[in-house]
Protein backbone atom coordinates (compact mmCIF):
# COMPACT_ATOMS: atom_id res chain seq x y z
CA MET A 1 0.00 0.00 0.00
CA ALA A 2 1.40 3.39 -1.02
CA LYS A 3 2.34 5.74 1.78
CA GLU A 4 0.23 8.88 2.03
CA LEU A 5 2.44 11.89 1.34
CA GLN A 6 1.98 15.16 3.19
CA PRO A 7 2.58 18.54 1.54
CA LEU A 8 5.50 20.50 2.91
CA TYR A 9 3.42 23.68 3.16
CA VAL A 10 -0.22 24.02 4.23
CA GLN A 11 -2.42 27.11 4.00
CA PRO A 12 -2.71 28.70 7.48
CA GLU A 13 -5.89 28.88 9.53
CA PHE A 14 -6.45 31.74 11.98
CA THR A 15 -8.15 31.92 15.35
CA SER A 16 -8.49 35.71 15.43
CA ILE A 17 -8.44 38.80 13.26
CA GLU A 18 -5.29 39.95 15.03
CA GLU A 19 -3.50 36.73 14.14
CA GLU A 20 -4.52 37.00 10.49
CA ARG A 21 -3.49 40.67 10.34
CA GLN A 22 -0.06 39.84 11.77
CA HIS A 23 0.36 37.03 9.26
CA ARG A 24 -0.49 39.30 6.32
CA LYS A 25 1.89 41.99 7.54
CA GLU A 26 4.73 39.50 7.98
CA ARG A 27 4.20 38.20 4.45
CA LEU A 28 4.12 41.77 3.17
CA ALA A 29 7.38 42.78 4.85
CA VAL A 30 9.12 39.66 3.53
CA ALA A 31 7.79 40.33 0.03
CA PHE A 32 9.52 43.72 0.04
CA ARG A 33 12.82 42.14 1.09
CA LEU A 34 12.43 39.58 -1.69
CA PHE A 35 11.72 42.32 -4.22
CA ASP A 36 15.01 43.89 -3.18
CA ARG A 37 16.74 40.54 -3.65
CA PHE A 38 15.33 40.21 -7.17
CA GLY A 39 16.39 43.76 -8.02
CA PHE A 40 12.90 45.31 -8.08
CA ASN A 41 14.08 48.37 -6.16
CA GLU A 42 14.24 51.39 -8.45
CA GLY A 43 14.80 54.34 -6.09
CA VAL A 44 11.66 54.98 -4.04
CA ALA A 45 9.34 53.55 -6.70
CA GLY A 46 7.27 50.44 -6.11
CA HIS A 47 4.66 49.29 -3.66
CA ILE A 48 2.91 46.16 -2.47
CA THR A 49 -0.35 46.36 -0.56
CA VAL A 50 -2.42 43.91 1.46
CA ARG A 51 -6.03 44.40 2.48
CA ASP A 52 -6.68 44.53 6.22
CA PRO A 53 -8.73 41.47 7.27
CA GLU A 54 -11.04 43.53 9.49
CA LYS A 55 -11.21 46.97 7.88
CA THR A 56 -11.51 45.71 4.34
CA ASP A 57 -11.51 49.21 2.83
CA HIS A 58 -8.05 49.75 4.31
CA TYR A 59 -4.72 48.31 3.21
CA TRP A 60 -1.18 48.00 4.58
CA VAL A 61 1.61 49.50 2.49
CA ASN A 62 5.24 50.61 2.66
CA PRO A 63 6.04 54.21 3.68
CA LEU A 64 7.71 56.40 1.08
CA GLY A 65 11.51 56.36 1.13
CA VAL A 66 12.17 53.22 3.18
CA HIS A 67 14.35 50.94 1.07
CA PHE A 68 12.83 47.53 0.37
CA LYS A 69 15.90 45.91 1.93
CA LYS A 70 15.14 47.59 5.28
CA ILE A 71 11.36 47.09 5.51
CA ARG A 72 10.18 45.45 8.73
CA VAL A 73 6.69 44.57 9.91
CA SER A 74 6.71 47.58 12.24
CA ASP A 75 7.41 49.92 9.29
CA LEU A 76 4.14 49.13 7.50
CA HIS A 77 1.44 51.81 7.37
CA LEU A 78 -2.34 51.42 7.24
CA VAL A 79 -4.13 53.57 4.65
CA ASN A 80 -7.84 53.91 3.89
CA HIS A 81 -9.43 54.30 0.46
CA ALA A 82 -9.46 58.07 0.89
CA GLY A 83 -5.66 57.95 1.03
CA GLU A 84 -5.50 58.85 4.72
CA VAL A 85 -2.79 57.28 6.87
CA ILE A 86 -4.53 55.60 9.81
CA VAL A 87 -1.54 53.81 11.32
CA GLY A 88 1.93 55.26 10.81
CA ASP A 89 3.59 58.66 10.73
CA ARG A 90 5.30 58.88 7.35
CA PRO A 91 4.05 59.89 3.88
CA ILE A 92 2.90 57.28 1.36
CA ASN A 93 3.80 57.22 -2.32
CA LYS A 94 0.91 59.06 -4.04
CA THR A 95 1.08 56.67 -6.96
CA ALA A 96 0.50 53.78 -4.58
CA ILE A 97 -2.67 55.43 -3.33
CA ALA A 98 -3.91 56.29 -6.83
CA ILE A 99 -3.38 52.77 -8.17
CA HIS A 100 -3.92 50.43 -5.25
CA THR A 101 -7.04 52.11 -3.87
CA GLN A 102 -8.79 51.61 -7.19
CA ILE A 103 -7.55 48.02 -7.55
CA HIS A 104 -8.84 47.11 -4.09
CA ARG A 105 -12.13 48.90 -4.73
CA ALA A 106 -12.72 47.24 -8.08
CA ARG A 107 -11.67 43.73 -7.00
CA PRO A 108 -13.08 42.60 -3.63
CA ASP A 109 -11.43 39.22 -4.28
CA VAL A 110 -7.98 40.80 -4.35
CA ILE A 111 -6.17 40.64 -1.01
CA ALA A 112 -2.82 41.92 -2.28
CA ALA A 113 -1.41 43.85 -5.22
CA ALA A 114 2.21 44.32 -6.26
CA HIS A 115 3.82 46.90 -8.53
CA SER A 116 7.45 47.84 -8.99
CA HIS A 117 9.73 49.16 -11.71
CA SER A 118 11.52 45.90 -12.45
CA LEU A 119 14.04 46.02 -15.28
CA TYR A 120 12.57 43.41 -17.62
CA GLY A 121 9.00 44.41 -16.85
CA LYS A 122 9.82 47.99 -17.80
CA ALA A 123 11.58 46.91 -20.97
CA TRP A 124 8.71 44.68 -22.08
CA SER A 125 6.08 47.30 -21.20
CA ALA A 126 7.69 49.72 -23.66
CA LEU A 127 6.60 47.41 -26.49
CA GLY A 128 2.92 47.86 -25.62
CA ARG A 129 2.18 44.15 -26.11
CA LEU A 130 0.84 41.23 -24.15
CA LEU A 131 3.17 38.36 -23.38
CA ASP A 132 3.14 35.35 -25.72
CA PRO A 133 2.99 31.74 -24.48
CA LEU A 134 6.64 31.00 -25.28
CA THR A 135 7.46 28.81 -22.29
CA GLN A 136 5.70 26.60 -19.78
CA ASP A 137 6.16 29.27 -17.12
CA SER A 138 4.79 32.11 -19.25
CA CYS A 139 1.59 30.12 -19.77
CA VAL A 140 0.66 31.14 -16.21
CA PHE A 141 -0.31 34.47 -17.78
CA TYR A 142 -1.89 33.13 -20.98
CA GLU A 143 -5.19 34.96 -21.53
CA ASP A 144 -4.84 36.03 -17.89
CA HIS A 145 -3.23 39.47 -18.10
CA GLY A 146 -4.31 42.81 -19.48
CA LEU A 147 -2.64 45.81 -21.08
CA TYR A 148 -3.07 49.40 -19.97
CA ASP A 149 -2.17 50.90 -23.33
CA ASN A 150 -1.53 54.46 -22.22
CA PHE A 151 1.09 56.51 -20.44
CA GLY A 152 0.33 59.95 -19.08
CA GLY A 153 3.24 60.45 -16.72
CA VAL A 154 3.44 59.54 -13.04
CA VAL A 155 0.10 58.13 -11.87
CA LEU A 156 -1.28 60.64 -9.36
CA ASP A 157 -4.93 60.85 -10.39
CA GLN A 158 -7.57 58.48 -9.02
CA SER A 159 -9.23 58.42 -12.46
CA GLU A 160 -6.11 56.90 -13.99
CA GLY A 161 -6.09 54.35 -11.18
CA GLU A 162 -9.65 53.48 -12.21
CA ARG A 163 -8.55 52.97 -15.82
CA ILE A 164 -5.70 50.71 -14.70
CA ALA A 165 -8.16 48.68 -12.62
CA LYS A 166 -10.42 48.40 -15.68
CA ALA A 167 -7.50 47.16 -17.81
CA LEU A 168 -6.69 44.60 -15.10
CA GLY A 169 -10.29 43.36 -15.21
CA SER A 170 -10.58 39.89 -13.72
CA TYR A 171 -6.98 38.94 -14.59
CA LYS A 172 -4.06 38.25 -12.26
CA ALA A 173 -1.81 40.87 -13.89
CA VAL A 174 -1.67 43.93 -16.12
CA ILE A 175 1.15 45.44 -18.17
CA LEU A 176 1.31 49.22 -17.78
CA ARG A 177 2.71 50.54 -21.06
CA ASN A 178 6.01 52.43 -20.65
CA HIS A 179 5.76 51.85 -16.91
CA GLY A 180 5.98 48.25 -15.73
CA LEU A 181 3.96 45.38 -14.29
CA LEU A 182 1.23 44.97 -11.69
CA THR A 183 0.05 41.66 -10.26
CA VAL A 184 -2.70 40.71 -7.81
CA GLY A 185 -3.63 37.72 -5.72
CA THR A 186 -5.71 36.25 -2.93
CA SER A 187 -2.66 36.58 -0.66
CA VAL A 188 0.56 38.55 -0.50
CA ASP A 189 2.34 35.31 -1.27
CA GLU A 190 0.45 34.84 -4.52
CA ALA A 191 0.64 38.45 -5.74
CA ALA A 192 4.37 38.68 -5.01
CA TYR A 193 5.18 35.38 -6.67
CA TRP A 194 3.18 36.24 -9.78
CA PHE A 195 5.19 39.47 -10.04
CA ILE A 196 8.48 37.58 -9.83
CA ALA A 197 7.24 35.06 -12.41
CA MET A 198 5.94 37.76 -14.76
CA ASP A 199 9.18 39.73 -14.73
CA ARG A 200 11.02 36.52 -15.60
CA ALA A 201 8.54 35.80 -18.39
CA CYS A 202 9.27 39.27 -19.79
CA HIS A 203 13.01 38.54 -19.54
CA ALA A 204 12.61 35.20 -21.32
CA GLN A 205 10.62 36.69 -24.19
CA LEU A 206 13.01 39.60 -24.62
CA LEU A 207 15.91 37.13 -24.85
CA ALA A 208 14.05 34.80 -27.22
CA GLU A 209 13.06 37.60 -29.60
CA ALA A 210 16.57 39.05 -29.53
CA ALA A 211 18.01 35.65 -30.43
CA GLY A 212 15.68 34.81 -33.30
CA ASN A 213 12.12 33.88 -34.17
CA PRO A 214 10.58 32.14 -31.13
CA LYS A 215 7.88 29.52 -31.66
CA PRO A 216 4.89 30.06 -29.35
CA ILE A 217 2.99 27.24 -27.69
CA ASP A 218 -0.28 26.50 -29.49
CA HIS A 219 -3.55 27.84 -28.06
CA GLN A 220 -4.98 24.60 -26.69
CA THR A 221 -1.72 23.53 -25.03
CA ALA A 222 -1.20 27.02 -23.60
CA LYS A 223 -4.72 26.97 -22.13
CA LEU A 224 -4.14 23.52 -20.64
CA THR A 225 -0.80 24.58 -19.14
CA HIS A 226 -2.42 27.72 -17.73
CA SER A 227 -5.07 25.61 -16.00
CA GLN A 228 -2.35 23.43 -14.49
CA LEU A 229 -0.09 26.19 -13.16
CA SER A 230 -2.10 29.34 -12.56
CA ARG A 231 -4.29 28.52 -9.56
CA PRO A 232 -4.02 30.81 -6.51
CA ASP A 233 -2.65 27.96 -4.38
CA SER A 234 0.11 27.42 -6.94
CA GLY A 235 1.30 31.01 -6.62
CA TRP A 236 1.01 30.77 -2.84
CA TYR A 237 2.98 27.52 -2.68
CA ASN A 238 5.82 28.78 -4.86
CA PHE A 239 6.31 31.71 -2.49
CA GLN A 240 6.80 29.56 0.65
CA PRO A 241 10.43 28.42 0.17
CA LEU A 242 11.39 32.00 -0.72
CA TYR A 243 9.74 33.19 2.49
CA GLU A 244 11.51 30.56 4.58
CA ILE A 245 14.95 31.37 3.22
CA LEU A 246 14.50 35.13 3.62
CA VAL A 247 13.32 34.86 7.23
CA GLU A 248 16.16 32.50 8.13
CA GLU A 249 18.72 34.92 6.70
CA GLN A 250 17.09 38.19 7.81
CA PRO A 251 14.98 37.49 10.95
CA ASP A 252 14.78 41.22 11.74
CA VAL A 253 12.18 41.53 8.96
CA LEU A 254 9.54 40.26 11.41
CA LEU A 255 10.23 42.95 14.06
């Protein structure tokens, strides 16, 4: 009789709102440190948000000017949909408020959203195109990402945030032309991992097109592969070993 195998990681269950809030904030702080590790740290640009489990029209976000490499749980600020800082004493990136407020408003299913000026995401966004299904990994985004085909400067207006949310639609990601990438998920873990995976998909396609004439995966196979790899629990699971390694190496992130 075959032995029953147990998964290495299991989705957490919470006994209180406070416990769930702490968990989300810990994941958020680690996600910032991981973004630094992957090089998604262009100056003071970039933000990841997570919806508060109790005040669902509020989200936790990084304060402006704190380097991703230094973010700790205690640094995170709570902001409402009016852009007011409820917990914390430092300013918030106005672009974060303009974009993330509208994403969280438009998508009640979204717990977390991630945006940063990653190198390959920026480069690909300048082409104003969706990603093609060139590899198994890029199929995660097949028919599951949108394109905001406009650039009007730094996003400061709530109306532009609304248009970005509309371009995102029901997808897990959107390419912001001449700007970069934005991903969402049902957890910080998922949203952050999809961002990492999408930037790598951009990198892979840029390399493939520079080298020659890449052959895309056919529609039916790409759809099948998407169904196999793109579930929320898949994004969540892929994040767990990254979380473990980061916390082992930088335990101060949880302070």
